[in-house]
C-alpha atoms as a PDB file:
ATOM      1  CA  MET A   1      -0.128  -0.115   0.181  1.00  0.00           C
ATOM      2  CA  PRO A   2       1.653   3.802  -0.772  1.00  0.00           C
ATOM      3  CA  THR A   3       2.565   5.962   1.701  1.00  0.00           C
ATOM      4  CA  PRO A   4       0.142   8.379   1.983  1.00  0.00           C
ATOM      5  CA  GLN A   5       0.658  11.972   0.756  1.00  0.00           C
ATOM      6  CA  VAL A   6       1.011  14.432   3.721  1.00  0.00           C
ATOM      7  CA  VAL A   7      -0.380  18.106   3.618  1.00  0.00           C
ATOM      8  CA  MET A   8      -0.786  20.791   5.737  1.00  0.00           C
ATOM      9  CA  VAL A   9      -4.121  22.748   6.170  1.00  0.00           C
ATOM     10  CA  THR A  10      -3.924  25.904   8.053  1.00  0.00           C
ATOM     11  CA  GLY A  11      -7.343  27.017   9.673  1.00  0.00           C
ATOM     12  CA  GLY A  12      -7.646  23.812   9.059  1.00  0.00           C
ATOM     13  CA  ALA A  13      -9.770  23.243  12.485  1.00  0.00           C
ATOM     14  CA  SER A  14     -13.063  24.910  11.203  1.00  0.00           C
ATOM     15  CA  GLY A  15     -14.913  26.315   7.833  1.00  0.00           C
ATOM     16  CA  ILE A  16     -13.199  25.486   4.602  1.00  0.00           C
ATOM     17  CA  GLY A  17     -10.103  24.390   6.114  1.00  0.00           C
ATOM     18  CA  ALA A  18     -11.973  21.586   8.079  1.00  0.00           C
ATOM     19  CA  ALA A  19     -13.964  20.848   5.133  1.00  0.00           C
ATOM     20  CA  THR A  20     -10.324  20.560   3.094  1.00  0.00           C
ATOM     21  CA  CYS A  21      -9.184  18.118   5.754  1.00  0.00           C
ATOM     22  CA  ARG A  22     -12.292  15.755   5.943  1.00  0.00           C
ATOM     23  CA  LEU A  23     -12.302  15.593   1.730  1.00  0.00           C
ATOM     24  CA  LEU A  24      -8.333  15.124   1.946  1.00  0.00           C
ATOM     25  CA  THR A  25      -8.566  12.235   4.186  1.00  0.00           C
ATOM     26  CA  GLU A  26     -11.569  10.262   2.289  1.00  0.00           C
ATOM     27  CA  ARG A  27      -8.914  10.475  -0.376  1.00  0.00           C
ATOM     28  CA  GLY A  28      -6.209   9.001   1.180  1.00  0.00           C
ATOM     29  CA  PHE A  29      -4.169  11.939   2.508  1.00  0.00           C
ATOM     30  CA  GLN A  30      -2.670  12.522   5.519  1.00  0.00           C
ATOM     31  CA  VAL A  31      -3.398  15.586   6.913  1.00  0.00           C
ATOM     32  CA  VAL A  32      -1.947  18.155   9.492  1.00  0.00           C
ATOM     33  CA  ILE A  33      -4.301  20.509  11.047  1.00  0.00           C
ATOM     34  CA  ALA A  34      -2.299  23.765  11.407  1.00  0.00           C
ATOM     35  CA  ASP A  35      -4.632  26.602  13.325  1.00  0.00           C
ATOM     36  CA  LEU A  36      -4.880  28.451  16.543  1.00  0.00           C
ATOM     37  CA  GLN A  37      -7.856  26.597  17.826  1.00  0.00           C
ATOM     38  CA  GLU A  38      -6.091  24.070  20.008  1.00  0.00           C
ATOM     39  CA  GLU A  39      -9.690  22.166  21.180  1.00  0.00           C
ATOM     40  CA  LEU A  40     -11.323  22.438  17.732  1.00  0.00           C
ATOM     41  CA  GLY A  41      -8.352  21.265  16.000  1.00  0.00           C
ATOM     42  CA  ARG A  42      -7.236  18.245  18.174  1.00  0.00           C
ATOM     43  CA  ASN A  43     -10.911  17.134  18.429  1.00  0.00           C
ATOM     44  CA  LEU A  44     -10.874  16.857  14.240  1.00  0.00           C
ATOM     45  CA  ALA A  45      -7.283  15.251  14.711  1.00  0.00           C
ATOM     46  CA  ASP A  46      -8.745  12.742  16.525  1.00  0.00           C
ATOM     47  CA  GLU A  47     -11.762  12.212  14.576  1.00  0.00           C
ATOM     48  CA  LEU A  48      -9.131  12.027  11.319  1.00  0.00           C
ATOM     49  CA  TYR A  49      -6.498  10.254  12.516  1.00  0.00           C
ATOM     50  CA  GLY A  50      -4.259  13.162  12.079  1.00  0.00           C
ATOM     51  CA  LEU A  51      -1.925  15.568  13.507  1.00  0.00           C
ATOM     52  CA  PHE A  52      -2.752  18.875  15.000  1.00  0.00           C
ATOM     53  CA  VAL A  53      -0.279  21.483  15.375  1.00  0.00           C
ATOM     54  CA  HIS A  54      -0.449  25.063  16.618  1.00  0.00           C
ATOM     55  CA  LEU A  55       0.096  27.431  14.087  1.00  0.00           C
ATOM     56  CA  ASP A  56       0.095  31.236  14.111  1.00  0.00           C
ATOM     57  CA  VAL A  57       0.073  32.007  10.020  1.00  0.00           C
ATOM     58  CA  SER A  58       1.906  35.661  10.772  1.00  0.00           C
ATOM     59  CA  LEU A  59       4.828  34.436  13.085  1.00  0.00           C
ATOM     60  CA  PRO A  60       7.878  32.998  10.807  1.00  0.00           C
ATOM     61  CA  GLU A  61       8.985  30.721  13.449  1.00  0.00           C
ATOM     62  CA  SER A  62       5.674  29.182  14.419  1.00  0.00           C
ATOM     63  CA  TRP A  63       5.607  28.095  10.771  1.00  0.00           C
ATOM     64  CA  THR A  64       9.059  26.577  11.076  1.00  0.00           C
ATOM     65  CA  ALA A  65       7.689  24.801  14.308  1.00  0.00           C
ATOM     66  CA  ALA A  66       4.522  23.638  12.230  1.00  0.00           C
ATOM     67  CA  LEU A  67       7.032  22.500   9.819  1.00  0.00           C
ATOM     68  CA  ASP A  68       9.203  20.258  12.015  1.00  0.00           C
ATOM     69  CA  ALA A  69       6.245  18.794  13.531  1.00  0.00           C
ATOM     70  CA  ALA A  70       4.715  17.727  10.575  1.00  0.00           C
ATOM     71  CA  THR A  71       7.899  15.917   8.926  1.00  0.00           C
ATOM     72  CA  THR A  72       8.867  14.354  11.986  1.00  0.00           C
ATOM     73  CA  ALA A  73       5.412  12.907  12.358  1.00  0.00           C
ATOM     74  CA  TYR A  74       4.810  11.931   8.992  1.00  0.00           C
ATOM     75  CA  GLY A  75       8.117  12.935   6.838  1.00  0.00           C
ATOM     76  CA  PRO A  76       8.301  15.338   3.989  1.00  0.00           C
ATOM     77  CA  LEU A  77       5.155  17.413   2.879  1.00  0.00           C
ATOM     78  CA  HIS A  78       3.340  17.023  -0.522  1.00  0.00           C
ATOM     79  CA  GLY A  79       1.655  20.168  -0.539  1.00  0.00           C
ATOM     80  CA  LEU A  80      -0.008  23.113   1.722  1.00  0.00           C
ATOM     81  CA  VAL A  81      -3.464  24.650   1.652  1.00  0.00           C
ATOM     82  CA  ALA A  82      -3.670  27.997   3.334  1.00  0.00           C
ATOM     83  CA  ALA A  83      -6.927  28.136   4.504  1.00  0.00           C
ATOM     84  CA  ALA A  84      -6.557  30.536   7.597  1.00  0.00           C
ATOM     85  CA  GLY A  85      -8.498  34.124   7.064  1.00  0.00           C
ATOM     86  CA  PHE A  86      -9.828  36.817   8.668  1.00  0.00           C
ATOM     87  CA  LYS A  87     -12.272  39.288   8.010  1.00  0.00           C
ATOM     88  CA  SER A  88     -12.694  42.916   9.992  1.00  0.00           C
ATOM     89  CA  GLU A  89     -15.514  45.419   8.843  1.00  0.00           C
ATOM     90  CA  TYR A  90     -12.974  48.502   7.831  1.00  0.00           C
ATOM     91  CA  LEU A  91     -14.872  50.119   5.427  1.00  0.00           C
ATOM     92  CA  LEU A  92     -13.187  52.976   2.866  1.00  0.00           C
ATOM     93  CA  GLY A  93     -15.255  55.594   3.970  1.00  0.00           C
ATOM     94  CA  GLY A  94     -15.336  54.886   7.917  1.00  0.00           C
ATOM     95  CA  PRO A  95     -12.418  55.580  10.851  1.00  0.00           C
ATOM     96  CA  LEU A  96      -9.096  54.080   9.930  1.00  0.00           C
ATOM     97  CA  ASP A  97      -8.066  51.687  12.675  1.00  0.00           C
ATOM     98  CA  PRO A  98      -4.375  50.745  11.754  1.00  0.00           C
ATOM     99  CA  GLU A  99      -4.175  48.245  14.549  1.00  0.00           C
ATOM    100  CA  LEU A 100      -7.572  46.208  12.669  1.00  0.00           C
ATOM    101  CA  PHE A 101      -5.737  46.857   9.107  1.00  0.00           C
ATOM    102  CA  HIS A 102      -2.484  45.227  10.168  1.00  0.00           C
ATOM    103  CA  ARG A 103      -4.063  42.327  11.920  1.00  0.00           C
ATOM    104  CA  THR A 104      -6.017  41.590   8.554  1.00  0.00           C
ATOM    105  CA  ALA A 105      -2.971  41.781   6.829  1.00  0.00           C
ATOM    106  CA  ALA A 106      -1.106  39.752   9.004  1.00  0.00           C
ATOM    107  CA  ILE A 107      -3.077  36.885   8.561  1.00  0.00           C
ATOM    108  CA  ASN A 108      -4.486  36.941   5.231  1.00  0.00           C
ATOM    109  CA  GLN A 109      -1.384  38.264   3.343  1.00  0.00           C
ATOM    110  CA  LEU A 110       1.461  37.788   5.561  1.00  0.00           C
ATOM    111  CA  GLY A 111       0.612  34.489   6.381  1.00  0.00           C
ATOM    112  CA  ILE A 112       0.333  33.497   2.653  1.00  0.00           C
ATOM    113  CA  ILE A 113       3.829  34.914   2.162  1.00  0.00           C
ATOM    114  CA  LEU A 114       5.228  33.078   5.192  1.00  0.00           C
ATOM    115  CA  GLY A 115       3.327  29.510   3.886  1.00  0.00           C
ATOM    116  CA  VAL A 116       4.979  30.112   0.451  1.00  0.00           C
ATOM    117  CA  GLN A 117       8.647  30.629   1.869  1.00  0.00           C
ATOM    118  CA  VAL A 118       8.608  28.060   4.504  1.00  0.00           C
ATOM    119  CA  VAL A 119       6.788  25.255   3.148  1.00  0.00           C
ATOM    120  CA  GLY A 120       7.510  26.260  -0.385  1.00  0.00           C
ATOM    121  CA  GLN A 121      11.454  25.507   0.195  1.00  0.00           C
ATOM    122  CA  HIS A 122      10.424  22.538   1.792  1.00  0.00           C
ATOM    123  CA  LEU A 123       8.836  21.590  -1.173  1.00  0.00           C
ATOM    124  CA  ARG A 124      11.622  22.954  -3.433  1.00  0.00           C
ATOM    125  CA  GLU A 125      14.281  20.870  -1.870  1.00  0.00           C
ATOM    126  CA  GLN A 126      12.631  17.912  -2.776  1.00  0.00           C
ATOM    127  CA  GLY A 127      11.813  18.724  -6.009  1.00  0.00           C
ATOM    128  CA  SER A 128       7.807  18.242  -6.020  1.00  0.00           C
ATOM    129  CA  GLY A 129       4.388  19.412  -4.281  1.00  0.00           C
ATOM    130  CA  SER A 130       1.664  21.358  -4.624  1.00  0.00           C
ATOM    131  CA  ILE A 131       0.498  24.996  -2.813  1.00  0.00           C
ATOM    132  CA  VAL A 132      -3.224  26.217  -2.805  1.00  0.00           C
ATOM    133  CA  ASN A 133      -3.847  29.554  -1.532  1.00  0.00           C
ATOM    134  CA  ILE A 134      -7.452  30.470  -0.370  1.00  0.00           C
ATOM    135  CA  SER A 135      -8.206  33.935  -1.741  1.00  0.00           C
ATOM    136  CA  SER A 136     -11.525  35.398  -2.040  1.00  0.00           C
ATOM    137  CA  GLY A 137     -14.221  36.213  -4.904  1.00  0.00           C
ATOM    138  CA  SER A 138     -13.857  39.671  -3.640  1.00  0.00           C
ATOM    139  CA  ALA A 139     -10.446  39.817  -5.030  1.00  0.00           C
ATOM    140  CA  MET A 140     -12.217  39.594  -8.704  1.00  0.00           C
ATOM    141  CA  ALA A 141     -15.180  41.917  -7.720  1.00  0.00           C
ATOM    142  CA  PRO A 142     -14.771  44.032  -4.597  1.00  0.00           C
ATOM    143  CA  THR A 143     -18.054  45.058  -4.736  1.00  0.00           C
ATOM    144  CA  GLN A 144     -18.786  41.379  -3.084  1.00  0.00           C
ATOM    145  CA  SER A 145     -17.573  42.481   0.161  1.00  0.00           C
ATOM    146  CA  PRO A 146     -17.592  46.449   1.712  1.00  0.00           C
ATOM    147  CA  ASP A 147     -14.554  45.793   3.867  1.00  0.00           C
ATOM    148  CA  ILE A 148     -11.445  47.056   2.174  1.00  0.00           C
ATOM    149  CA  ALA A 149      -8.755  45.740   4.494  1.00  0.00           C
ATOM    150  CA  TYR A 150      -9.993  42.296   3.703  1.00  0.00           C
ATOM    151  CA  VAL A 151     -10.406  43.104  -0.150  1.00  0.00           C
ATOM    152  CA  SER A 152      -7.200  44.543  -0.494  1.00  0.00           C
ATOM    153  CA  THR A 153      -5.058  41.868   1.331  1.00  0.00           C
ATOM    154  CA  LYS A 154      -7.402  38.823  -0.914  1.00  0.00           C
ATOM    155  CA  TRP A 155      -6.102  40.802  -3.888  1.00  0.00           C
ATOM    156  CA  GLY A 156      -2.639  40.593  -2.525  1.00  0.00           C
ATOM    157  CA  VAL A 157      -2.971  36.939  -2.356  1.00  0.00           C
ATOM    158  CA  ARG A 158      -3.248  36.624  -5.625  1.00  0.00           C
ATOM    159  CA  GLY A 159      -0.461  38.678  -6.461  1.00  0.00           C
ATOM    160  CA  ILE A 160       1.722  36.417  -4.074  1.00  0.00           C
ATOM    161  CA  SER A 161       0.543  32.899  -5.921  1.00  0.00           C
ATOM    162  CA  ARG A 162       1.387  33.969  -9.204  1.00  0.00           C
ATOM    163  CA  VAL A 163       5.320  35.548  -8.141  1.00  0.00           C
ATOM    164  CA  ALA A 164       5.226  32.069  -5.969  1.00  0.00           C
ATOM    165  CA  ALA A 165       4.324  29.928  -9.500  1.00  0.00           C
ATOM    166  CA  LYS A 166       6.710  31.679 -11.332  1.00  0.00           C
ATOM    167  CA  GLU A 167       9.758  31.548  -8.934  1.00  0.00           C
ATOM    168  CA  LEU A 168       8.845  27.603  -7.873  1.00  0.00           C
ATOM    169  CA  SER A 169       7.905  26.263 -11.295  1.00  0.00           C
ATOM    170  CA  PRO A 170      11.191  24.952 -11.903  1.00  0.00           C
ATOM    171  CA  TYR A 171      11.577  22.861  -9.128  1.00  0.00           C
ATOM    172  CA  GLY A 172       8.424  21.099  -9.615  1.00  0.00           C
ATOM    173  CA  VAL A 173       6.385  23.276  -7.223  1.00  0.00           C
ATOM    174  CA  ARG A 174       3.020  24.159  -8.348  1.00  0.00           C
ATOM    175  CA  VAL A 175       1.344  27.355  -6.532  1.00  0.00           C
ATOM    176  CA  ASN A 176      -2.369  27.824  -7.284  1.00  0.00           C
ATOM    177  CA  THR A 177      -5.379  30.110  -6.134  1.00  0.00           C
ATOM    178  CA  VAL A 178      -8.838  29.173  -5.010  1.00  0.00           C
ATOM    179  CA  LEU A 179     -11.512  32.098  -5.317  1.00  0.00           C
ATOM    180  CA  PRO A 180     -14.701  31.313  -2.863  1.00  0.00           C
ATOM    181  CA  GLY A 181     -17.800  33.286  -3.206  1.00  0.00           C
ATOM    182  CA  LEU A 182     -20.577  33.610  -0.498  1.00  0.00           C
ATOM    183  CA  ILE A 183     -19.583  30.178   1.454  1.00  0.00           C
ATOM    184  CA  ARG A 184     -21.556  29.147   4.876  1.00  0.00           C
ATOM    185  CA  THR A 185     -18.436  29.000   7.387  1.00  0.00           C
ATOM    186  CA  PRO A 186     -18.256  30.485  10.659  1.00  0.00           C
ATOM    187  CA  MET A 187     -17.057  33.840   9.553  1.00  0.00           C
ATOM    188  CA  ILE A 188     -20.307  34.709   8.445  1.00  0.00           C
ATOM    189  CA  ALA A 189     -22.565  32.528  10.272  1.00  0.00           C
ATOM    190  CA  THR A 190     -23.354  35.665  12.524  1.00  0.00           C
ATOM    191  CA  ILE A 191     -24.359  37.681   9.595  1.00  0.00           C
ATOM    192  CA  ILE A 192     -26.976  35.238   8.441  1.00  0.00           C
ATOM    193  CA  GLU A 193     -27.930  34.667  12.261  1.00  0.00           C
ATOM    194  CA  SER A 194     -28.593  38.366  12.322  1.00  0.00           C
ATOM    195  CA  PHE A 195     -30.219  38.596   9.077  1.00  0.00           C
ATOM    196  CA  PRO A 196     -32.127  35.082   8.118  1.00  0.00           C
ATOM    197  CA  GLU A 197     -34.734  37.268   6.204  1.00  0.00           C
ATOM    198  CA  ARG A 198     -31.872  37.955   3.854  1.00  0.00           C
ATOM    199  CA  VAL A 199     -30.919  34.773   2.964  1.00  0.00           C
ATOM    200  CA  ALA A 200     -33.595  34.455   0.392  1.00  0.00           C
ATOM    201  CA  ASP A 201     -32.786  37.322  -1.230  1.00  0.00           C
ATOM    202  CA  ILE A 202     -29.203  36.715  -1.459  1.00  0.00           C
ATOM    203  CA  GLU A 203     -29.179  33.380  -2.493  1.00  0.00           C
ATOM    204  CA  ALA A 204     -31.921  34.664  -5.271  1.00  0.00           C
ATOM    205  CA  ASP A 205     -29.080  36.769  -6.708  1.00  0.00           C
ATOM    206  CA  ILE A 206     -26.286  33.646  -6.970  1.00  0.00           C
ATOM    207  CA  PRO A 207     -27.031  32.321 -10.310  1.00  0.00           C
ATOM    208  CA  LEU A 208     -27.024  28.651  -8.660  1.00  0.00           C
ATOM    209  CA  ARG A 209     -29.201  30.027  -6.435  1.00  0.00           C
ATOM    210  CA  ARG A 210     -27.401  28.692  -3.319  1.00  0.00           C
ATOM    211  CA  MET A 211     -24.874  29.667  -0.840  1.00  0.00           C
ATOM    212  CA  GLY A 212     -21.707  27.435  -0.725  1.00  0.00           C
ATOM    213  CA  GLU A 213     -20.963  24.772   1.448  1.00  0.00           C
ATOM    214  CA  PRO A 214     -17.364  24.570   2.383  1.00  0.00           C
ATOM    215  CA  ILE A 215     -17.101  21.477   0.756  1.00  0.00           C
ATOM    216  CA  ASP A 216     -17.391  23.275  -2.327  1.00  0.00           C
ATOM    217  CA  VAL A 217     -14.115  24.750  -1.769  1.00  0.00           C
ATOM    218  CA  ALA A 218     -12.410  21.562  -0.480  1.00  0.00           C
ATOM    219  CA  ARG A 219     -13.057  19.757  -3.726  1.00  0.00           C
ATOM    220  CA  ALA A 220     -11.404  22.681  -5.839  1.00  0.00           C
ATOM    221  CA  ALA A 221      -8.313  22.476  -3.494  1.00  0.00           C
ATOM    222  CA  TYR A 222      -8.184  18.767  -4.020  1.00  0.00           C
ATOM    223  CA  PHE A 223      -8.223  19.311  -7.620  1.00  0.00           C
ATOM    224  CA  PHE A 224      -4.965  21.479  -7.317  1.00  0.00           C
ATOM    225  CA  LEU A 225      -3.501  19.074  -4.816  1.00  0.00           C
ATOM    226  CA  SER A 226      -3.948  15.841  -7.062  1.00  0.00           C
ATOM    227  CA  GLU A 227      -3.100  14.715 -10.304  1.00  0.00           C
ATOM    228  CA  LEU A 228      -6.057  16.172 -11.961  1.00  0.00           C
ATOM    229  CA  GLY A 229      -4.557  19.415 -11.572  1.00  0.00           C
ATOM    230  CA  SER A 230      -0.788  18.585 -12.753  1.00  0.00           C
ATOM    231  CA  TYR A 231      -0.326  21.034 -15.200  1.00  0.00           C
ATOM    232  CA  CYS A 232      -1.798  24.189 -13.593  1.00  0.00           C
ATOM    233  CA  THR A 233       0.378  26.284 -11.880  1.00  0.00           C
ATOM    234  CA  GLY A 234      -0.533  30.466 -11.514  1.00  0.00           C
ATOM    235  CA  SER A 235      -3.923  29.329 -11.955  1.00  0.00           C
ATOM    236  CA  GLU A 236      -7.013  30.746 -10.358  1.00  0.00           C
ATOM    237  CA  LEU A 237     -10.267  28.720  -9.747  1.00  0.00           C
ATOM    238  CA  VAL A 238     -13.671  30.723  -8.857  1.00  0.00           C
ATOM    239  CA  VAL A 239     -15.897  29.047  -6.854  1.00  0.00           C
ATOM    240  CA  ASP A 240     -18.751  31.203  -6.291  1.00  0.00           C
ATOM    241  CA  GLY A 241     -21.555  29.693  -7.884  1.00  0.00           C
ATOM    242  CA  GLY A 242     -21.850  31.861 -10.692  1.00  0.00           C
ATOM    243  CA  SER A 243     -21.778  35.234  -8.936  1.00  0.00           C
ATOM    244  CA  LEU A 244     -19.270  36.706 -10.761  1.00  0.00           C
ATOM    245  CA  VAL A 245     -21.124  36.423 -14.408  1.00  0.00           C
END
């Protein structure tokens, strides 16, 4: 029986990250759940017979420690799904909150750069691998979100991914981006709960007439990680039910 390929998933304890961990496990991968949410992460690791590692994506030393723990437990990584994210409510016309903006950028943008650097170097040395960065449909059409901090950092993910794809492709490492639309995750749960009467109207504006589920995004990540996406690098896959049409 072949040795399972190992994939680290940031933000893996909940939402899109957790759905990705479950799908990858079903497809025969060994998952490393990297997150700040200790209890959720460890419970999911127990469920999937995976490994939980504590990871603050904004800290280089945290990335190094997480990678060391993963490779010690399972050996070399096959890939990374960078699903950790943060959404503030900073509007362009509102008061500037530099601290909130820097926190958003540290998670959504710096976290992606560090993942590409630390895990990318590991994959480069072994001569193969796949990195999937989760951006947002808002990075294609900013009107989907009024949060300028979130939108600007998610636009940055697109640029980071393309630069990384260019630099790492000679070493057999692919870097691609998934851009989700409106997905039912804990990040938007409070909005749905606060305005349940608006859900039907929101879904009516989506061509496929429903919000996305985390598994929809997980399937896109799986495509890029697997042999199905073996000739894709620097690519972007929008998963939004047709909202950009």
